Amino acid sequence: TAASVMVVTEQNYKELLQSTLDDAECINAYCAGVDFQEKHKIVYMLVRELCIHSHKEALILYPVVKSMLENGAELIKDAIKEHREIERLLSKLDSLHTVEQFTHKMDELVHETLANVFIHIREEEAELIPSLRKVIEDELAVKLGRQFEAATKQVSSRPHPDAPMEGEAALLADRFEAPMDKLADEARFGFVDPASHLNAITDAYHTKH
């Protein structure tokens, strides 16, 4: 049904966060159990996953919201403002390279980033998603859900807070950035898709605790 398909975006978002960072205390405890190199990878993976979700929303979900809801343009304007703030914070996390930078700034930036992310989720759950459920037809909802899932391996995976986030300009900007982001991810993680590595780290952590 439309209702079941339309929640796929937020379910995936929350599952991602809950599986790795149930709250700020969780990531602090998690990082305390691994060395600096592993901490670095964990935070970089957080940056990657949140960026992918952000870009999927902007390119796939938001155009539908804007076209189908009477107040869609206003909702999207607010959502994009939140996206830019989150991506600015992610950009700061992404730029932490030295042990000293990471040690002194990581906790504060992670707390601030997650606070903004959860505010964004709550606001979308309160108005945007319920409003869209009421008007979207099942066929379009199914198509949207499939597009959202398929886009995971297509969209850019690094923060681009100043890039266009609406219309054709957003699509063109993402197509330009995505190949370079994937090359950068391969250099950073040693493979294109680091999700399996993140899951392995998570499983090992929960086994020990």
C-alpha atoms as a PDB file:
ATOM      1  CA  THR A   1       0.000   0.000   0.000  1.00  0.00           C
ATOM      2  CA  ALA A   2       0.987   3.635  -0.259  1.00  0.00           C
ATOM      3  CA  ALA A   3       1.188   3.925   3.504  1.00  0.00           C
ATOM      4  CA  SER A   4       3.570   1.010   3.855  1.00  0.00           C
ATOM      5  CA  VAL A   5       5.802   2.121   0.998  1.00  0.00           C
ATOM      6  CA  MET A   6       5.956   5.762   2.027  1.00  0.00           C
ATOM      7  CA  VAL A   7       7.531   4.987   5.371  1.00  0.00           C
ATOM      8  CA  VAL A   8      10.454   3.160   3.776  1.00  0.00           C
ATOM      9  CA  THR A   9      12.633   6.258   3.792  1.00  0.00           C
ATOM     10  CA  GLU A  10      12.256   7.011   7.483  1.00  0.00           C
ATOM     11  CA  GLN A  11      12.351   3.358   8.534  1.00  0.00           C
ATOM     12  CA  ASN A  12      15.646   2.873   6.756  1.00  0.00           C
ATOM     13  CA  TYR A  13      16.989   6.098   8.198  1.00  0.00           C
ATOM     14  CA  LYS A  14      16.144   5.172  11.778  1.00  0.00           C
ATOM     15  CA  GLU A  15      17.307   1.578  11.372  1.00  0.00           C
ATOM     16  CA  LEU A  16      20.651   2.876  10.142  1.00  0.00           C
ATOM     17  CA  LEU A  17      21.038   5.161  13.127  1.00  0.00           C
ATOM     18  CA  GLN A  18      19.695   2.727  15.705  1.00  0.00           C
ATOM     19  CA  SER A  19      21.932  -0.114  14.535  1.00  0.00           C
ATOM     20  CA  THR A  20      25.127   1.888  14.926  1.00  0.00           C
ATOM     21  CA  LEU A  21      24.391   4.860  17.186  1.00  0.00           C
ATOM     22  CA  ASP A  22      21.393   4.278  19.410  1.00  0.00           C
ATOM     23  CA  ASP A  23      22.303   7.551  21.075  1.00  0.00           C
ATOM     24  CA  ALA A  24      25.329   9.733  21.718  1.00  0.00           C
ATOM     25  CA  GLU A  25      26.427   7.540  24.643  1.00  0.00           C
ATOM     26  CA  CYS A  26      26.416   4.527  22.348  1.00  0.00           C
ATOM     27  CA  ILE A  27      28.861   5.976  19.861  1.00  0.00           C
ATOM     28  CA  ASN A  28      31.111   7.202  22.663  1.00  0.00           C
ATOM     29  CA  ALA A  29      31.222   3.718  24.195  1.00  0.00           C
ATOM     30  CA  TYR A  30      31.549   2.159  20.765  1.00  0.00           C
ATOM     31  CA  CYS A  31      34.526   4.309  19.826  1.00  0.00           C
ATOM     32  CA  ALA A  32      36.179   3.713  23.190  1.00  0.00           C
ATOM     33  CA  GLY A  33      36.512   0.045  22.294  1.00  0.00           C
ATOM     34  CA  VAL A  34      38.529   0.519  19.098  1.00  0.00           C
ATOM     35  CA  ASP A  35      41.703   2.270  18.039  1.00  0.00           C
ATOM     36  CA  PHE A  36      42.023   5.603  16.283  1.00  0.00           C
ATOM     37  CA  GLN A  37      41.975   4.123  12.778  1.00  0.00           C
ATOM     38  CA  GLU A  38      38.735   2.275  13.487  1.00  0.00           C
ATOM     39  CA  LYS A  39      37.165   5.376  15.041  1.00  0.00           C
ATOM     40  CA  HIS A  40      38.060   7.259  11.919  1.00  0.00           C
ATOM     41  CA  LYS A  41      36.359   4.680   9.715  1.00  0.00           C
ATOM     42  CA  ILE A  42      33.245   4.570  11.878  1.00  0.00           C
ATOM     43  CA  VAL A  43      32.748   8.321  11.710  1.00  0.00           C
ATOM     44  CA  TYR A  44      33.523   8.381   7.995  1.00  0.00           C
ATOM     45  CA  MET A  45      30.899   5.673   7.470  1.00  0.00           C
ATOM     46  CA  LEU A  46      28.385   7.713   9.434  1.00  0.00           C
ATOM     47  CA  VAL A  47      29.134  10.661   7.165  1.00  0.00           C
ATOM     48  CA  ARG A  48      28.709   8.493   4.086  1.00  0.00           C
ATOM     49  CA  GLU A  49      25.408   6.883   5.090  1.00  0.00           C
ATOM     50  CA  LEU A  50      23.785  10.135   6.199  1.00  0.00           C
ATOM     51  CA  CYS A  51      24.906  11.888   3.008  1.00  0.00           C
ATOM     52  CA  ILE A  52      23.485   9.135   0.822  1.00  0.00           C
ATOM     53  CA  HIS A  53      20.143   9.344   2.603  1.00  0.00           C
ATOM     54  CA  SER A  54      20.101  13.132   2.416  1.00  0.00           C
ATOM     55  CA  HIS A  55      20.795  13.131  -1.319  1.00  0.00           C
ATOM     56  CA  LYS A  56      18.182  10.442  -1.983  1.00  0.00           C
ATOM     57  CA  GLU A  57      15.550  12.491  -0.194  1.00  0.00           C
ATOM     58  CA  ALA A  58      16.438  15.665  -2.073  1.00  0.00           C
ATOM     59  CA  LEU A  59      16.469  14.007  -5.497  1.00  0.00           C
ATOM     60  CA  ILE A  60      13.598  11.508  -5.207  1.00  0.00           C
ATOM     61  CA  LEU A  61      11.240  12.270  -2.335  1.00  0.00           C
ATOM     62  CA  TYR A  62      11.181  16.063  -2.247  1.00  0.00           C
ATOM     63  CA  PRO A  63      10.183  16.699  -5.883  1.00  0.00           C
ATOM     64  CA  VAL A  64       7.109  14.508  -5.325  1.00  0.00           C
ATOM     65  CA  VAL A  65       6.263  16.325  -2.097  1.00  0.00           C
ATOM     66  CA  LYS A  66       6.605  19.697  -3.807  1.00  0.00           C
ATOM     67  CA  SER A  67       4.355  18.718  -6.707  1.00  0.00           C
ATOM     68  CA  MET A  68       1.643  16.895  -4.747  1.00  0.00           C
ATOM     69  CA  LEU A  69       1.165  18.914  -1.565  1.00  0.00           C
ATOM     70  CA  GLU A  70      -0.364  22.369  -1.414  1.00  0.00           C
ATOM     71  CA  ASN A  71       2.266  23.457   1.087  1.00  0.00           C
ATOM     72  CA  GLY A  72       4.927  21.246  -0.493  1.00  0.00           C
ATOM     73  CA  ALA A  73       7.203  24.104  -1.549  1.00  0.00           C
ATOM     74  CA  GLU A  74       7.261  25.459   2.003  1.00  0.00           C
ATOM     75  CA  LEU A  75       7.897  22.013   3.503  1.00  0.00           C
ATOM     76  CA  ILE A  76      10.758  21.387   1.087  1.00  0.00           C
ATOM     77  CA  LYS A  77      12.275  24.804   1.721  1.00  0.00           C
ATOM     78  CA  ASP A  78      12.445  24.034   5.443  1.00  0.00           C
ATOM     79  CA  ALA A  79      13.704  20.490   4.853  1.00  0.00           C
ATOM     80  CA  ILE A  80      16.489  21.637   2.548  1.00  0.00           C
ATOM     81  CA  LYS A  81      17.563  24.233   5.089  1.00  0.00           C
ATOM     82  CA  GLU A  82      17.898  21.405   7.621  1.00  0.00           C
ATOM     83  CA  HIS A  83      19.762  19.260   5.087  1.00  0.00           C
ATOM     84  CA  ARG A  84      22.294  22.022   4.509  1.00  0.00           C
ATOM     85  CA  GLU A  85      22.933  22.423   8.229  1.00  0.00           C
ATOM     86  CA  ILE A  86      23.383  18.663   8.677  1.00  0.00           C
ATOM     87  CA  GLU A  87      25.709  18.479   5.682  1.00  0.00           C
ATOM     88  CA  ARG A  88      27.773  21.383   7.019  1.00  0.00           C
ATOM     89  CA  LEU A  89      28.271  19.417  10.228  1.00  0.00           C
ATOM     90  CA  LEU A  90      29.036  16.255   8.269  1.00  0.00           C
ATOM     91  CA  SER A  91      31.568  18.214   6.235  1.00  0.00           C
ATOM     92  CA  LYS A  92      33.317  19.190   9.458  1.00  0.00           C
ATOM     93  CA  LEU A  93      33.374  15.556  10.595  1.00  0.00           C
ATOM     94  CA  ASP A  94      34.643  14.535   7.186  1.00  0.00           C
ATOM     95  CA  SER A  95      37.560  16.947   7.499  1.00  0.00           C
ATOM     96  CA  LEU A  96      38.924  15.527  10.768  1.00  0.00           C
ATOM     97  CA  HIS A  97      42.227  13.909   9.844  1.00  0.00           C
ATOM     98  CA  THR A  98      44.704  14.086  12.726  1.00  0.00           C
ATOM     99  CA  VAL A  99      44.438  12.314  16.061  1.00  0.00           C
ATOM    100  CA  GLU A 100      44.375  15.667  17.851  1.00  0.00           C
ATOM    101  CA  GLN A 101      41.571  17.067  15.684  1.00  0.00           C
ATOM    102  CA  PHE A 102      39.565  13.890  16.025  1.00  0.00           C
ATOM    103  CA  THR A 103      39.983  13.617  19.792  1.00  0.00           C
ATOM    104  CA  HIS A 104      38.999  17.195  20.566  1.00  0.00           C
ATOM    105  CA  LYS A 105      36.181  17.719  18.062  1.00  0.00           C
ATOM    106  CA  MET A 106      34.610  14.351  17.331  1.00  0.00           C
ATOM    107  CA  ASP A 107      32.300  14.027  20.348  1.00  0.00           C
ATOM    108  CA  GLU A 108      30.938  17.548  20.061  1.00  0.00           C
ATOM    109  CA  LEU A 109      30.334  17.283  16.323  1.00  0.00           C
ATOM    110  CA  VAL A 110      28.689  13.861  16.569  1.00  0.00           C
ATOM    111  CA  HIS A 111      26.344  15.078  19.317  1.00  0.00           C
ATOM    112  CA  GLU A 112      25.397  18.158  17.301  1.00  0.00           C
ATOM    113  CA  THR A 113      24.966  16.216  14.069  1.00  0.00           C
ATOM    114  CA  LEU A 114      22.725  13.558  15.600  1.00  0.00           C
ATOM    115  CA  ALA A 115      20.642  16.184  17.384  1.00  0.00           C
ATOM    116  CA  ASN A 116      19.960  17.871  14.045  1.00  0.00           C
ATOM    117  CA  VAL A 117      19.268  14.550  12.326  1.00  0.00           C
ATOM    118  CA  PHE A 118      16.672  13.479  14.883  1.00  0.00           C
ATOM    119  CA  ILE A 119      14.948  16.870  14.748  1.00  0.00           C
ATOM    120  CA  HIS A 120      14.749  16.492  10.973  1.00  0.00           C
ATOM    121  CA  ILE A 121      13.277  12.986  11.258  1.00  0.00           C
ATOM    122  CA  ARG A 122      10.670  14.049  13.817  1.00  0.00           C
ATOM    123  CA  GLU A 123       9.559  16.984  11.677  1.00  0.00           C
ATOM    124  CA  GLU A 124       9.187  14.815   8.583  1.00  0.00           C
ATOM    125  CA  GLU A 125       7.277  12.162  10.530  1.00  0.00           C
ATOM    126  CA  ALA A 126       4.980  14.814  11.989  1.00  0.00           C
ATOM    127  CA  GLU A 127       3.888  16.488   8.737  1.00  0.00           C
ATOM    128  CA  LEU A 128       5.647  15.694   5.473  1.00  0.00           C
ATOM    129  CA  ILE A 129       5.287  11.896   5.390  1.00  0.00           C
ATOM    130  CA  PRO A 130       1.703  11.758   6.782  1.00  0.00           C
ATOM    131  CA  SER A 131       0.560  14.473   4.352  1.00  0.00           C
ATOM    132  CA  LEU A 132       2.063  12.659   1.384  1.00  0.00           C
ATOM    133  CA  ARG A 133       0.517   9.339   2.425  1.00  0.00           C
ATOM    134  CA  LYS A 134      -2.939  10.906   2.205  1.00  0.00           C
ATOM    135  CA  VAL A 135      -2.632  11.947  -1.433  1.00  0.00           C
ATOM    136  CA  ILE A 136      -0.193   9.588  -3.135  1.00  0.00           C
ATOM    137  CA  GLU A 137      -1.544   6.681  -5.176  1.00  0.00           C
ATOM    138  CA  ASP A 138      -0.285   3.176  -4.512  1.00  0.00           C
ATOM    139  CA  GLU A 139       1.351   2.812  -7.921  1.00  0.00           C
ATOM    140  CA  LEU A 140       3.366   6.001  -7.538  1.00  0.00           C
ATOM    141  CA  ALA A 141       4.269   5.132  -3.951  1.00  0.00           C
ATOM    142  CA  VAL A 142       5.633   1.752  -5.042  1.00  0.00           C
ATOM    143  CA  LYS A 143       7.604   3.403  -7.841  1.00  0.00           C
ATOM    144  CA  LEU A 144       8.971   5.998  -5.435  1.00  0.00           C
ATOM    145  CA  GLY A 145      10.029   3.337  -2.942  1.00  0.00           C
ATOM    146  CA  ARG A 146      11.857   1.385  -5.624  1.00  0.00           C
ATOM    147  CA  GLN A 147      13.602   4.498  -6.913  1.00  0.00           C
ATOM    148  CA  PHE A 148      14.646   5.405  -3.388  1.00  0.00           C
ATOM    149  CA  GLU A 149      16.185   1.986  -2.800  1.00  0.00           C
ATOM    150  CA  ALA A 150      17.899   1.849  -6.200  1.00  0.00           C
ATOM    151  CA  ALA A 151      19.439   5.294  -5.713  1.00  0.00           C
ATOM    152  CA  THR A 152      21.573   4.099  -2.789  1.00  0.00           C
ATOM    153  CA  LYS A 153      24.405   3.107  -5.121  1.00  0.00           C
ATOM    154  CA  GLN A 154      23.892   6.013  -7.523  1.00  0.00           C
ATOM    155  CA  VAL A 155      23.837   9.230  -5.521  1.00  0.00           C
ATOM    156  CA  SER A 156      26.825  11.149  -4.200  1.00  0.00           C
ATOM    157  CA  SER A 157      28.149   9.985  -0.849  1.00  0.00           C
ATOM    158  CA  ARG A 158      30.025  12.978   0.550  1.00  0.00           C
ATOM    159  CA  PRO A 159      28.673  16.219   2.061  1.00  0.00           C
ATOM    160  CA  HIS A 160      28.042  19.021  -0.433  1.00  0.00           C
ATOM    161  CA  PRO A 161      26.232  21.622   1.686  1.00  0.00           C
ATOM    162  CA  ASP A 162      26.444  24.379  -0.914  1.00  0.00           C
ATOM    163  CA  ALA A 163      25.372  22.314  -3.920  1.00  0.00           C
ATOM    164  CA  PRO A 164      21.915  22.792  -5.489  1.00  0.00           C
ATOM    165  CA  MET A 165      19.272  20.668  -3.743  1.00  0.00           C
ATOM    166  CA  GLU A 166      16.234  21.356  -5.915  1.00  0.00           C
ATOM    167  CA  GLY A 167      15.231  20.785  -9.513  1.00  0.00           C
ATOM    168  CA  GLU A 168      17.360  19.795 -12.471  1.00  0.00           C
ATOM    169  CA  ALA A 169      20.345  21.661 -11.031  1.00  0.00           C
ATOM    170  CA  ALA A 170      20.361  19.291  -8.041  1.00  0.00           C
ATOM    171  CA  LEU A 171      20.290  16.242 -10.310  1.00  0.00           C
ATOM    172  CA  LEU A 172      23.108  17.565 -12.490  1.00  0.00           C
ATOM    173  CA  ALA A 173      25.216  18.498  -9.465  1.00  0.00           C
ATOM    174  CA  ASP A 174      24.754  15.049  -7.932  1.00  0.00           C
ATOM    175  CA  ARG A 175      25.627  13.293 -11.191  1.00  0.00           C
ATOM    176  CA  PHE A 176      28.793  15.375 -11.327  1.00  0.00           C
ATOM    177  CA  GLU A 177      29.802  14.671  -7.723  1.00  0.00           C
ATOM    178  CA  ALA A 178      28.813  10.987  -7.446  1.00  0.00           C
ATOM    179  CA  PRO A 179      31.649   9.413  -9.498  1.00  0.00           C
ATOM    180  CA  MET A 180      34.286  11.444  -7.672  1.00  0.00           C
ATOM    181  CA  ASP A 181      32.729  10.580  -4.311  1.00  0.00           C
ATOM    182  CA  LYS A 182      32.796   6.872  -5.146  1.00  0.00           C
ATOM    183  CA  LEU A 183      36.465   7.060  -6.099  1.00  0.00           C
ATOM    184  CA  ALA A 184      37.180   8.909  -2.852  1.00  0.00           C
ATOM    185  CA  ASP A 185      35.245   6.259  -0.898  1.00  0.00           C
ATOM    186  CA  GLU A 186      37.237   3.490  -2.532  1.00  0.00           C
ATOM    187  CA  ALA A 187      40.474   5.230  -1.583  1.00  0.00           C
ATOM    188  CA  ARG A 188      39.245   5.877   1.953  1.00  0.00           C
ATOM    189  CA  PHE A 189      37.713   2.507   2.782  1.00  0.00           C
ATOM    190  CA  GLY A 190      39.632   0.207   0.471  1.00  0.00           C
ATOM    191  CA  PHE A 191      36.408  -0.894  -1.218  1.00  0.00           C
ATOM    192  CA  VAL A 192      33.429   0.847  -2.781  1.00  0.00           C
ATOM    193  CA  ASP A 193      30.749  -0.242  -0.307  1.00  0.00           C
ATOM    194  CA  PRO A 194      31.921  -0.150   3.334  1.00  0.00           C
ATOM    195  CA  ALA A 195      28.572  -1.284   4.750  1.00  0.00           C
ATOM    196  CA  SER A 196      29.722  -4.875   5.272  1.00  0.00           C
ATOM    197  CA  HIS A 197      32.742  -3.656   7.227  1.00  0.00           C
ATOM    198  CA  LEU A 198      30.540  -1.436   9.388  1.00  0.00           C
ATOM    199  CA  ASN A 199      28.189  -4.351  10.105  1.00  0.00           C
ATOM    200  CA  ALA A 200      31.133  -6.539  11.092  1.00  0.00           C
ATOM    201  CA  ILE A 201      32.408  -3.904  13.512  1.00  0.00           C
ATOM    202  CA  THR A 202      28.903  -3.465  14.967  1.00  0.00           C
ATOM    203  CA  ASP A 203      28.427  -7.222  15.440  1.00  0.00           C
ATOM    204  CA  ALA A 204      31.815  -7.538  17.133  1.00  0.00           C
ATOM    205  CA  TYR A 205      31.026  -4.662  19.473  1.00  0.00           C
ATOM    206  CA  HIS A 206      27.662  -6.072  20.550  1.00  0.00           C
ATOM    207  CA  THR A 207      29.218  -9.520  21.056  1.00  0.00           C
ATOM    208  CA  LYS A 208      31.710  -8.039  23.518  1.00  0.00           C
ATOM    209  CA  HIS A 209      29.073  -5.972  25.345  1.00  0.00           C
END
